[in-house]
């Protein structure tokens, strides 16, 4: 025979379960504006009916329900959308970073412009043409010196500005590597907390959210793959377990996927050049690889770094990820490295490195040297004013950083092709025609077409980076909206749920009152016939 008090227990379970649902609804509403929060729901399930199975089970007219219970409190996520979001985040990190780096290069070169290199070349050649018509004029000669100095200054300025931005990119690589290391440590710490909670039969949903936010951030820096290791004990089937983060497409020395985080074990990264960490100064050191530490407990990770010698790589040789492996994947760090400069040997020479800035600086040096050599050769073939003295070097230097005008007296400009003929400006004409001359040092291009090709290359690369950054942003926004439609909190929906659970709670409470009145009748009213 069933218990007289069975209805109380059934209604009590309803009260407790609806109360849990109300609390969860309140938690959702409280976190409606929390970035990265996933809405949660109570998975209600019917409790086992009465009677249970067994030889001594009583015979009843049916299997009577015994109420409801909260099976679990689950967060609402879609792993497919999460994976898609991180893939697009990785692409956006790459293209937005590359777009920023090229944009800074475009700002320095500033073409077309009234103050750019092309204008400096044109002004200098124009001054030479004016000098050719009146070679004995002191003012015309002074203008040539000033325009020549301005052209040299333009080379110096563009070179110094590009080198300064390049130095900033190197420091950004160091800074972003530190950010990656911090994220990896935080993920490992959350893994450790999750491993302590899940075996007790709980779902640490808020820890899952915090970990996923960090993984989203990490995906913007590096190409990664995600896997999970289930917890033991009494962990629920839907418990996620601790995350395993792998460097996408990279194998370790044993041929296995290279892991960055596994449980509370974590690796740390160091950006290196030729076996040592990148120095903080602005001197160029090409990136060669990321040195990785061995897997260590997260509490020991910070001790790997030497605060007195941040370039010390003694603890970062367990594994290595070369620039060629990194560039295949994408992410912000890959774009920074491609912009800054990389090679296999850790060179300090721009001409030996690859990347947007080393190649542009090397091209600028090539232009400067070819121009210096050709201009000096023509200038030395002429003669100075009122003199039998041949022209000397007009420019000195071997590259864009060192080019300068060495003539200090305007009369030393060799405008004439004949000795002692001050009215002869034929050599000034020859100097001005260098503008149209194909130079062997530039592969048969003129100074103007060579520089224009440099500018055009920057413009094409910048347009491509901007277009792909825009496209990726659009796709990421679409994916983000899809994820929000699944996981974000809708206040309208939560208010509806709140009313639903409130009414269910009230109904359960009313059932308790009804059962109480029934019991009161049985206890206090039965057996009192005739009283």
Protein backbone atom coordinates (compact mmCIF):
# COMPACT_ATOMS: atom_id res chain seq x y z
CA UNK A 1 0.00 0.00 0.00
CA UNK A 2 1.31 3.39 -0.93
CA UNK A 3 2.23 5.90 1.76
CA UNK A 4 -0.37 8.40 2.86
CA UNK A 5 2.35 11.07 2.79
CA UNK A 6 3.43 10.25 -0.78
CA UNK A 7 1.67 13.33 -2.22
CA UNK A 8 3.67 15.62 0.07
CA UNK A 9 6.96 14.24 -1.21
CA UNK A 10 5.84 14.59 -4.81
CA UNK A 11 4.84 18.21 -4.33
CA UNK A 12 7.99 18.95 -2.32
CA UNK A 13 10.09 17.75 -5.24
CA UNK A 14 8.10 20.03 -7.51
CA UNK A 15 8.79 22.96 -5.18
CA UNK A 16 12.51 22.28 -5.04
CA UNK A 17 12.86 21.74 -8.79
CA UNK A 18 10.86 24.81 -9.82
CA UNK A 19 12.79 26.78 -7.23
CA UNK A 20 16.08 25.65 -8.84
CA UNK A 21 14.74 26.68 -12.25
CA UNK A 22 13.81 30.11 -10.86
CA UNK A 23 17.28 30.55 -9.38
CA UNK A 24 18.86 29.58 -12.72
CA UNK A 25 16.61 32.05 -14.52
CA UNK A 26 17.72 34.75 -12.10
CA UNK A 27 21.36 33.83 -12.79
CA UNK A 28 20.74 34.19 -16.52
CA UNK A 29 19.06 37.57 -16.10
CA UNK A 30 21.89 38.81 -13.88
CA UNK A 31 24.43 37.87 -16.58
CA UNK A 32 22.48 39.17 -19.55
CA UNK A 33 25.27 41.67 -20.29
CA UNK A 34 28.21 39.49 -19.26
CA UNK A 35 30.54 38.97 -22.23
CA UNK A 36 30.96 35.30 -23.07
CA UNK A 37 28.22 34.10 -20.73
CA UNK A 38 26.14 31.15 -21.98
CA UNK A 39 22.57 30.90 -20.82
CA UNK A 40 21.81 27.95 -18.58
CA UNK A 41 18.78 25.73 -18.13
CA UNK A 42 17.67 23.15 -15.61
CA UNK A 43 17.14 19.77 -17.25
CA UNK A 44 14.06 18.47 -15.42
CA UNK A 45 13.32 14.77 -15.39
CA UNK A 46 10.61 12.65 -13.81
CA UNK A 47 11.66 10.64 -10.75
CA UNK A 48 11.21 6.88 -10.68
CA UNK A 49 7.59 5.84 -10.50
CA UNK A 50 5.86 3.80 -7.78
CA UNK A 51 6.07 0.92 -7.25
CA UNK A 52 9.60 -0.08 -8.13
CA UNK A 53 10.51 -3.40 -9.70
CA UNK A 54 10.86 -6.44 -7.40
CA UNK A 55 9.23 -9.66 -6.18
CA UNK A 56 7.70 -7.93 -3.20
CA UNK A 57 6.45 -4.90 -5.10
CA UNK A 58 2.78 -4.18 -4.32
CA UNK A 59 0.20 -4.57 -7.04
CA UNK A 60 -1.42 -1.28 -8.02
CA UNK A 61 -3.72 -0.14 -10.75
CA UNK A 62 -0.87 1.67 -12.49
CA UNK A 63 2.63 3.01 -12.23
CA UNK A 64 2.14 6.14 -10.20
CA UNK A 65 4.47 9.11 -10.77
CA UNK A 66 6.50 10.42 -7.85
CA UNK A 67 7.35 13.91 -9.08
CA UNK A 68 10.23 15.71 -10.75
CA UNK A 69 13.88 16.41 -10.08
CA UNK A 70 16.59 18.61 -11.57
CA UNK A 71 18.81 16.20 -13.48
CA UNK A 72 21.45 18.82 -14.27
CA UNK A 73 22.02 22.51 -14.86
CA UNK A 74 23.36 22.75 -18.41
CA UNK A 75 24.76 25.67 -20.38
CA UNK A 76 23.57 26.03 -23.97
CA UNK A 77 26.43 25.91 -26.47
CA UNK A 78 26.96 24.69 -30.02
CA UNK A 79 30.45 23.24 -30.48
CA UNK A 80 30.22 23.46 -34.27
CA UNK A 81 29.57 27.20 -34.13
CA UNK A 82 32.35 27.60 -31.54
CA UNK A 83 34.78 25.86 -33.88
CA UNK A 84 33.68 28.02 -36.80
CA UNK A 85 34.01 31.17 -34.68
CA UNK A 86 37.58 30.31 -33.73
CA UNK A 87 38.57 29.57 -37.30
CA UNK A 88 37.31 32.94 -38.44
CA UNK A 89 38.85 34.64 -35.40
CA UNK A 90 42.21 33.18 -36.40
CA UNK A 91 41.83 34.58 -39.93
CA UNK A 92 40.72 37.97 -38.64
CA UNK A 93 43.68 38.15 -36.27
CA UNK A 94 45.98 37.55 -39.24
CA UNK A 95 44.46 39.96 -41.74
CA UNK A 96 43.69 42.79 -39.32
CA UNK A 97 47.25 42.71 -37.99
CA UNK A 98 48.70 42.61 -41.51
CA UNK A 99 46.41 45.44 -42.57
CA UNK A 100 47.60 47.59 -39.66
CA UNK A 101 51.28 46.95 -40.46
CA UNK A 102 50.90 47.79 -44.15
CA UNK A 103 48.78 50.84 -43.34
CA UNK A 104 51.65 52.24 -41.27
CA UNK A 105 54.00 51.64 -44.21
CA UNK A 106 51.61 53.48 -46.54
CA UNK A 107 51.50 56.43 -44.12
CA UNK A 108 55.30 56.71 -44.20
CA UNK A 109 55.66 56.47 -47.99
CA UNK A 110 52.65 58.79 -48.50
CA UNK A 111 52.27 58.54 -52.27
CA UNK A 112 51.03 60.34 -54.20
CA UNK A 113 51.94 63.38 -52.15
CA UNK A 114 53.43 66.87 -52.39
CA UNK A 115 56.02 65.81 -49.83
CA UNK A 116 56.91 62.25 -50.86
CA UNK A 117 59.95 60.69 -52.47
CA UNK A 118 58.65 61.12 -56.03
CA UNK A 119 58.21 64.84 -55.43
CA UNK A 120 61.75 65.07 -54.02
CA UNK A 121 63.15 63.36 -57.14
CA UNK A 122 61.14 65.63 -59.46
CA UNK A 123 62.22 68.78 -57.63
CA UNK A 124 65.87 67.72 -57.78
CA UNK A 125 65.79 66.91 -61.49
CA UNK A 126 63.91 70.14 -62.19
CA UNK A 127 66.56 72.13 -60.32
CA UNK A 128 69.23 70.48 -62.49
CA UNK A 129 67.35 71.45 -65.65
CA UNK A 130 67.14 75.06 -64.46
CA UNK A 131 70.87 74.96 -63.73
CA UNK A 132 71.60 73.68 -67.23
CA UNK A 133 70.12 76.89 -68.73
CA UNK A 134 72.21 79.15 -66.52
CA UNK A 135 75.09 77.11 -65.07
CA UNK A 136 77.04 80.12 -63.82
CA UNK A 137 74.15 81.33 -61.65
CA UNK A 138 74.98 80.95 -57.96
CA UNK A 139 71.33 80.88 -56.87
CA UNK A 140 70.51 78.04 -59.27
CA UNK A 141 73.48 76.09 -57.92
CA UNK A 142 72.34 76.62 -54.32
CA UNK A 143 68.88 75.35 -55.24
CA UNK A 144 70.44 72.17 -56.64
CA UNK A 145 72.32 71.63 -53.36
CA UNK A 146 69.18 72.21 -51.31
CA UNK A 147 67.04 69.92 -53.46
CA UNK A 148 69.76 67.26 -53.36
CA UNK A 149 69.91 67.50 -49.59
CA UNK A 150 66.11 67.26 -49.44
CA UNK A 151 66.20 64.11 -51.59
CA UNK A 152 68.82 62.56 -49.30
CA UNK A 153 66.75 63.53 -46.28
CA UNK A 154 63.72 61.85 -47.86
CA UNK A 155 65.66 58.61 -48.17
CA UNK A 156 66.87 58.97 -44.56
CA UNK A 157 63.40 59.77 -43.26
CA UNK A 158 61.60 56.89 -44.97
CA UNK A 159 64.32 54.47 -43.89
CA UNK A 160 64.29 55.62 -40.25
CA UNK A 161 60.49 55.62 -40.03
CA UNK A 162 60.17 52.13 -41.52
CA UNK A 163 62.93 50.87 -39.22
CA UNK A 164 61.17 52.41 -36.20
CA UNK A 165 57.85 50.76 -37.09
CA UNK A 166 59.72 47.50 -37.63
CA UNK A 167 61.19 47.82 -34.13
CA UNK A 168 57.70 48.38 -32.76
CA UNK A 169 56.55 45.22 -34.52
CA UNK A 170 59.33 43.26 -32.82
CA UNK A 171 58.27 44.56 -29.43
CA UNK A 172 54.67 43.73 -30.30
CA UNK A 173 55.71 40.15 -31.09
CA UNK A 174 57.29 39.94 -27.63
CA UNK A 175 54.24 41.50 -25.96
CA UNK A 176 51.72 39.29 -27.76
CA UNK A 177 53.80 36.20 -26.97
CA UNK A 178 53.56 37.15 -23.29
CA UNK A 179 49.79 37.49 -23.73
CA UNK A 180 49.62 33.99 -25.27
CA UNK A 181 51.63 32.56 -22.38
CA UNK A 182 49.28 34.21 -19.87
CA UNK A 183 46.22 32.78 -21.65
CA UNK A 184 47.74 29.29 -21.69
CA UNK A 185 48.43 29.48 -17.95
CA UNK A 186 44.90 30.66 -17.20
CA UNK A 187 43.40 27.82 -19.24
CA UNK A 188 45.52 25.30 -17.34
CA UNK A 189 44.42 26.81 -14.01
CA UNK A 190 40.75 26.54 -14.99
CA UNK A 191 41.35 22.96 -16.12
CA UNK A 192 42.66 22.20 -12.65
CA UNK A 193 39.56 23.67 -11.01
CA UNK A 194 37.26 21.75 -13.35
CA UNK A 195 39.07 18.50 -12.60
CA UNK A 196 38.29 18.99 -8.92
CA UNK A 197 34.58 19.77 -9.41
CA UNK A 198 33.36 17.41 -12.13
CA UNK A 199 34.10 14.10 -10.31
CA UNK A 200 31.59 15.20 -7.66
CA UNK A 201 28.78 15.13 -10.20
CA UNK A 202 28.54 18.87 -10.86
CA UNK A 203 28.74 20.91 -14.06
CA UNK A 204 30.92 24.04 -13.51
CA UNK A 205 29.21 26.00 -16.28
CA UNK A 206 30.69 29.37 -15.38
CA UNK A 207 34.19 27.87 -15.48
CA UNK A 208 33.40 26.41 -18.89
CA UNK A 209 32.44 29.88 -20.09
CA UNK A 210 35.60 31.46 -18.69
CA UNK A 211 37.71 28.79 -20.38
CA UNK A 212 35.93 29.18 -23.72
CA UNK A 213 36.48 32.94 -23.61
CA UNK A 214 40.21 32.35 -23.20
CA UNK A 215 40.23 29.82 -26.03
CA UNK A 216 38.44 32.36 -28.24
CA UNK A 217 41.18 34.89 -27.45
CA UNK A 218 43.94 32.35 -28.07
CA UNK A 219 42.53 31.43 -31.47
CA UNK A 220 43.13 35.01 -32.62
CA UNK A 221 46.86 34.61 -31.98
CA UNK A 222 47.68 31.07 -33.06
CA UNK A 223 46.28 28.22 -35.16
CA UNK A 224 45.04 25.73 -32.56
CA UNK A 225 43.06 22.51 -32.29
CA UNK A 226 40.87 21.60 -29.31
CA UNK A 227 40.28 18.23 -27.69
CA UNK A 228 38.88 17.17 -24.31
CA UNK A 229 39.83 14.61 -21.66
CA UNK A 230 36.91 13.36 -19.56
CA UNK A 231 37.08 13.50 -15.78
CA UNK A 232 36.72 10.36 -13.72
CA UNK A 233 34.75 9.73 -10.53
CA UNK A 234 31.04 10.55 -10.66
CA UNK A 235 31.36 13.03 -13.53
CA UNK A 236 28.17 13.45 -15.54
CA UNK A 237 28.06 12.25 -19.13
CA UNK A 238 27.68 15.83 -20.37
CA UNK A 239 30.65 17.08 -18.33
CA UNK A 240 33.25 18.50 -20.73
CA UNK A 241 36.37 17.53 -18.82
CA UNK A 242 39.71 19.31 -19.12
CA UNK A 243 40.66 20.84 -22.45
CA UNK A 244 43.68 19.80 -24.50
CA UNK A 245 45.05 22.56 -26.76
CA UNK A 246 47.29 21.58 -29.66
CA UNK A 247 49.37 23.64 -32.05
CA UNK A 248 47.53 23.03 -35.30
CA UNK A 249 49.50 21.11 -37.91
CA UNK A 250 52.66 20.82 -35.77
CA UNK A 251 54.15 17.57 -34.49
CA UNK A 252 56.45 17.19 -31.51
CA UNK A 253 59.75 15.30 -31.53
CA UNK A 254 57.91 12.01 -31.03
CA UNK A 255 55.65 12.59 -34.03
CA UNK A 256 52.58 13.32 -31.91
CA UNK A 257 50.45 16.46 -32.05
CA UNK A 258 52.27 19.25 -30.25
CA UNK A 259 50.30 20.05 -27.09
CA UNK A 260 50.29 23.47 -25.45
CA UNK A 261 47.89 22.63 -22.60
CA UNK A 262 46.83 19.28 -21.20
CA UNK A 263 45.01 19.38 -17.89
CA UNK A 264 47.10 21.45 -15.49
CA UNK A 265 50.24 20.89 -17.59
CA UNK A 266 51.23 23.78 -19.85
CA UNK A 267 53.98 24.90 -22.22
CA UNK A 268 55.32 28.44 -22.53
CA UNK A 269 56.58 30.13 -25.70
CA UNK A 270 59.53 32.38 -26.43
CA UNK A 271 60.00 34.29 -29.70
CA UNK A 272 63.57 33.59 -30.82
CA UNK A 273 66.18 34.68 -33.33
CA UNK A 274 69.08 32.33 -33.95
CA UNK A 275 68.58 30.39 -30.72
CA UNK A 276 68.11 33.36 -28.37
CA UNK A 277 65.07 35.36 -27.36
CA UNK A 278 64.25 38.51 -29.32
CA UNK A 279 65.87 41.50 -27.64
CA UNK A 280 63.77 44.48 -26.65
CA UNK A 281 65.84 47.09 -28.53
CA UNK A 282 65.04 48.25 -32.05
CA UNK A 283 68.03 46.56 -33.68
CA UNK A 284 66.82 44.16 -36.34
CA UNK A 285 66.96 40.45 -35.53
CA UNK A 286 65.01 38.24 -37.87
CA UNK A 287 62.52 35.87 -36.26
CA UNK A 288 63.48 32.22 -36.65
CA UNK A 289 61.15 30.23 -34.42
CA UNK A 290 59.18 29.90 -31.22
CA UNK A 291 61.09 27.99 -28.58
CA UNK A 292 58.76 25.95 -26.39
CA UNK A 293 59.31 24.76 -22.86
CA UNK A 294 58.61 21.25 -21.67
CA UNK A 295 55.13 20.55 -20.26
CA UNK A 296 55.20 21.73 -16.64
CA UNK A 297 52.58 22.15 -13.90
CA UNK A 298 50.96 25.53 -14.25
CA UNK A 299 52.25 26.71 -10.86
CA UNK A 300 55.81 26.27 -12.17
CA UNK A 301 55.28 27.99 -15.54
CA UNK A 302 56.27 31.52 -14.55
CA UNK A 303 59.57 30.31 -13.12
CA UNK A 304 60.71 29.43 -16.65
CA UNK A 305 61.37 33.11 -17.40
CA UNK A 306 64.53 34.87 -16.26
CA UNK A 307 63.59 38.45 -15.28
CA UNK A 308 67.27 39.44 -15.24
CA UNK A 309 67.86 38.09 -18.75
CA UNK A 310 64.62 37.93 -20.74
CA UNK A 311 66.44 36.73 -23.88
CA UNK A 312 67.79 33.66 -22.09
CA UNK A 313 66.41 30.61 -23.91
CA UNK A 314 67.76 27.88 -21.58
CA UNK A 315 64.26 26.66 -20.69
CA UNK A 316 62.80 26.93 -24.19
CA UNK A 317 64.41 24.18 -26.20
CA UNK A 318 62.16 21.21 -25.53
CA UNK A 319 60.25 21.84 -28.76
CA UNK A 320 60.42 24.37 -31.58
CA UNK A 321 57.92 25.85 -34.04
CA UNK A 322 59.62 27.44 -37.06
CA UNK A 323 58.32 30.46 -38.92
CA UNK A 324 57.42 28.27 -41.89
CA UNK A 325 55.19 26.09 -39.69
CA UNK A 326 53.55 29.10 -38.07
CA UNK A 327 52.90 31.01 -41.29
CA UNK A 328 50.91 28.13 -42.76
CA UNK A 329 48.29 28.43 -40.03
CA UNK A 330 47.60 32.11 -39.52
CA UNK A 331 46.74 34.25 -36.54
CA UNK A 332 47.98 37.59 -35.28
CA UNK A 333 51.47 36.39 -34.39
CA UNK A 334 51.97 34.97 -37.87
CA UNK A 335 51.06 38.31 -39.46
CA UNK A 336 53.34 40.23 -37.11
CA UNK A 337 56.24 37.94 -37.93
CA UNK A 338 55.64 38.21 -41.68
CA UNK A 339 55.55 41.98 -41.41
CA UNK A 340 58.56 42.27 -39.09
CA UNK A 341 60.92 39.84 -40.85
CA UNK A 342 62.02 36.22 -40.63
CA UNK A 343 64.55 33.72 -41.93
CA UNK A 344 66.22 30.47 -40.90
CA UNK A 345 69.54 31.78 -39.65
CA UNK A 346 68.63 34.68 -37.38
CA UNK A 347 70.21 37.36 -39.60
CA UNK A 348 70.64 40.98 -38.57
CA UNK A 349 70.77 42.10 -42.22
CA UNK A 350 67.58 43.34 -43.81
CA UNK A 351 68.63 42.12 -47.26
CA UNK A 352 68.83 38.52 -46.04
CA UNK A 353 65.41 38.44 -44.37
CA UNK A 354 61.91 37.95 -45.76
CA UNK A 355 58.82 39.92 -44.87
CA UNK A 356 57.11 43.20 -45.77
CA UNK A 357 59.42 45.54 -43.87
CA UNK A 358 62.80 43.88 -44.56
CA UNK A 359 61.97 43.62 -48.25
CA UNK A 360 60.82 47.22 -48.45
CA UNK A 361 63.90 48.50 -46.61
CA UNK A 362 66.15 46.38 -48.85
CA UNK A 363 64.42 47.77 -51.95
CA UNK A 364 64.87 51.31 -50.63
CA UNK A 365 68.59 50.63 -50.06
CA UNK A 366 68.85 49.18 -53.56
CA UNK A 367 67.26 52.31 -55.03
CA UNK A 368 69.52 54.60 -53.00
CA UNK A 369 72.73 52.78 -53.97
CA UNK A 370 71.89 52.56 -57.66
CA UNK A 371 71.01 56.27 -57.73
CA UNK A 372 74.14 57.28 -55.79
CA UNK A 373 76.43 55.26 -58.06
CA UNK A 374 74.88 56.53 -61.32
CA UNK A 375 74.61 60.16 -60.25
CA UNK A 376 78.19 60.26 -58.97
CA UNK A 377 79.49 58.61 -62.15
CA UNK A 378 77.87 61.26 -64.35
CA UNK A 379 78.83 64.07 -61.98
CA UNK A 380 82.48 63.01 -61.92
CA UNK A 381 82.57 63.11 -65.72
CA UNK A 382 81.88 66.87 -65.68
CA UNK A 383 83.80 69.92 -64.50
CA UNK A 384 83.30 72.41 -61.71
CA UNK A 385 82.54 76.13 -62.24
CA UNK A 386 85.44 78.16 -63.78
CA UNK A 387 87.80 75.27 -63.24
CA UNK A 388 89.69 72.51 -64.87
CA UNK A 389 88.87 70.36 -61.83
CA UNK A 390 86.63 67.37 -62.57
CA UNK A 391 83.52 66.92 -60.50
CA UNK A 392 83.84 64.84 -57.37
CA UNK A 393 81.21 62.84 -55.55
CA UNK A 394 77.91 64.65 -55.19
CA UNK A 395 76.37 62.05 -52.87
CA UNK A 396 78.04 59.84 -50.33
CA UNK A 397 76.74 56.67 -48.66
CA UNK A 398 75.82 53.15 -49.66
CA UNK A 399 72.16 52.88 -48.69
CA UNK A 400 69.05 54.83 -47.73
CA UNK A 401 70.20 55.40 -44.16
CA UNK A 402 73.60 56.86 -45.07
CA UNK A 403 72.97 58.84 -48.26
CA UNK A 404 73.96 62.50 -47.95
CA UNK A 405 75.23 65.41 -50.07
CA UNK A 406 78.98 65.81 -49.60
CA UNK A 407 79.45 68.97 -51.70
CA UNK A 408 79.57 72.02 -49.46
CA UNK A 409 80.29 74.69 -52.08
CA UNK A 410 77.83 75.24 -54.89
CA UNK A 411 80.68 76.03 -57.32
CA UNK A 412 81.79 72.40 -57.01
CA UNK A 413 78.70 71.20 -58.90
CA UNK A 414 79.98 69.80 -62.19
CA UNK A 415 77.45 71.29 -64.59
CA UNK A 416 79.88 71.58 -67.54
CA UNK A 417 81.25 68.92 -69.89
CA UNK A 418 84.28 71.08 -70.82
CA UNK A 419 87.07 72.60 -68.77
CA UNK A 420 86.74 76.26 -67.82
CA UNK A 421 83.48 76.85 -69.67
CA UNK A 422 81.12 78.32 -67.10
CA UNK A 423 78.31 78.71 -69.60
CA UNK A 424 78.31 75.04 -70.55
CA UNK A 425 75.39 73.24 -68.83
CA UNK A 426 75.49 70.01 -70.80
CA UNK A 427 76.52 67.89 -67.81
CA UNK A 428 73.65 69.33 -65.78
CA UNK A 429 71.36 68.15 -68.59
CA UNK A 430 72.97 64.70 -68.41
CA UNK A 431 72.40 64.65 -64.63
CA UNK A 432 68.75 65.58 -65.06
CA UNK A 433 68.27 62.84 -67.66
CA UNK A 434 69.16 60.18 -65.06
CA UNK A 435 65.45 60.41 -64.27
CA UNK A 436 64.71 58.66 -67.56
CA UNK A 437 67.73 56.35 -67.61
CA UNK A 438 67.36 52.59 -67.11
CA UNK A 439 69.81 51.60 -64.37
CA UNK A 440 71.45 48.21 -64.29
CA UNK A 441 71.38 48.26 -60.49
CA UNK A 442 67.58 48.46 -60.63
CA UNK A 443 67.15 45.65 -63.13
CA UNK A 444 66.72 48.02 -66.06
CA UNK A 445 64.16 50.26 -64.35
CA UNK A 446 64.47 53.99 -63.89
CA UNK A 447 64.55 55.51 -60.42
CA UNK A 448 61.00 56.73 -60.90
CA UNK A 449 59.51 53.47 -62.17
CA UNK A 450 61.40 51.46 -59.55
CA UNK A 451 60.04 53.61 -56.71
CA UNK A 452 56.57 53.59 -58.25
CA UNK A 453 56.68 49.79 -58.33
CA UNK A 454 57.60 49.81 -54.63
CA UNK A 455 54.64 52.05 -53.86
CA UNK A 456 52.33 50.00 -56.06
CA UNK A 457 53.33 46.80 -54.27
CA UNK A 458 52.48 48.37 -50.91
CA UNK A 459 49.16 49.58 -52.28
CA UNK A 460 48.21 46.18 -53.71
CA UNK A 461 49.19 44.35 -50.51
CA UNK A 462 47.36 46.91 -48.39
CA UNK A 463 44.22 46.70 -50.50
CA UNK A 464 44.26 42.90 -50.29
CA UNK A 465 44.76 42.94 -46.52
CA UNK A 466 41.99 45.52 -46.04
CA UNK A 467 39.58 43.59 -48.25
CA UNK A 468 40.22 40.25 -46.56
CA UNK A 469 40.09 41.85 -43.10
CA UNK A 470 36.70 43.35 -44.01
CA UNK A 471 35.42 40.07 -45.45
CA UNK A 472 36.61 38.10 -42.43
CA UNK A 473 35.06 40.64 -40.07
CA UNK A 474 31.75 40.26 -41.88
CA UNK A 475 31.88 36.47 -41.68
CA UNK A 476 32.92 36.56 -38.04
CA UNK A 477 30.04 38.89 -37.25
CA UNK A 478 27.61 36.47 -38.89
CA UNK A 479 29.05 33.53 -36.95
CA UNK A 480 28.99 35.59 -33.75
CA UNK A 481 25.32 36.40 -34.31
CA UNK A 482 24.60 32.72 -34.88
CA UNK A 483 26.35 31.85 -31.65
CA UNK A 484 24.47 34.59 -29.81
CA UNK A 485 21.16 33.24 -31.09
CA UNK A 486 22.00 29.93 -29.42
CA UNK A 487 23.88 30.90 -26.27
CA UNK A 488 23.09 34.47 -25.31
CA UNK A 489 20.44 35.50 -22.80
CA UNK A 490 17.10 36.75 -24.14
CA UNK A 491 15.40 38.80 -21.44
CA UNK A 492 12.00 38.22 -23.05
CA UNK A 493 12.53 34.48 -22.96
CA UNK A 494 13.83 34.56 -19.39
CA UNK A 495 10.85 36.62 -18.24
CA UNK A 496 8.53 34.07 -19.83
CA UNK A 497 10.42 31.26 -18.11
CA UNK A 498 10.28 33.12 -14.82
CA UNK A 499 6.49 33.34 -14.99
CA UNK A 500 6.25 29.69 -16.03
CA UNK A 501 8.41 28.46 -13.16
CA UNK A 502 6.72 30.81 -10.70
CA UNK A 503 3.30 29.45 -11.59
CA UNK A 504 4.57 25.88 -11.41
CA UNK A 505 6.06 26.65 -7.98
CA UNK A 506 2.78 28.17 -6.81
CA UNK A 507 0.87 25.15 -8.10
CA UNK A 508 3.19 22.78 -6.24
CA UNK A 509 2.73 24.85 -3.11
CA UNK A 510 -1.03 24.65 -3.57
CA UNK A 511 -0.71 20.88 -3.90
CA UNK A 512 1.08 20.80 -0.55
CA UNK A 513 -1.86 22.72 0.95
CA UNK A 514 -4.35 20.28 -0.59
CA UNK A 515 -2.47 17.25 0.73
CA UNK A 516 -2.18 18.94 4.12
CA UNK A 517 -5.95 19.46 4.23
CA UNK A 518 -6.47 15.83 3.20
CA UNK A 519 -4.15 14.58 5.92
CA UNK A 520 -5.84 16.84 8.45
CA UNK A 521 -9.17 15.25 7.55
CA UNK A 522 -7.74 11.76 7.87
CA UNK A 523 -5.94 12.42 11.14
CA UNK A 524 -8.40 14.67 12.90
CA UNK A 525 -11.69 13.80 11.27
CA UNK A 526 -11.79 10.01 10.88
CA UNK A 527 -12.99 7.78 13.73
CA UNK A 528 -15.08 10.53 15.30
CA UNK A 529 -18.53 9.33 14.18
CA UNK A 530 -21.27 10.59 16.45
CA UNK A 531 -19.10 13.11 18.25
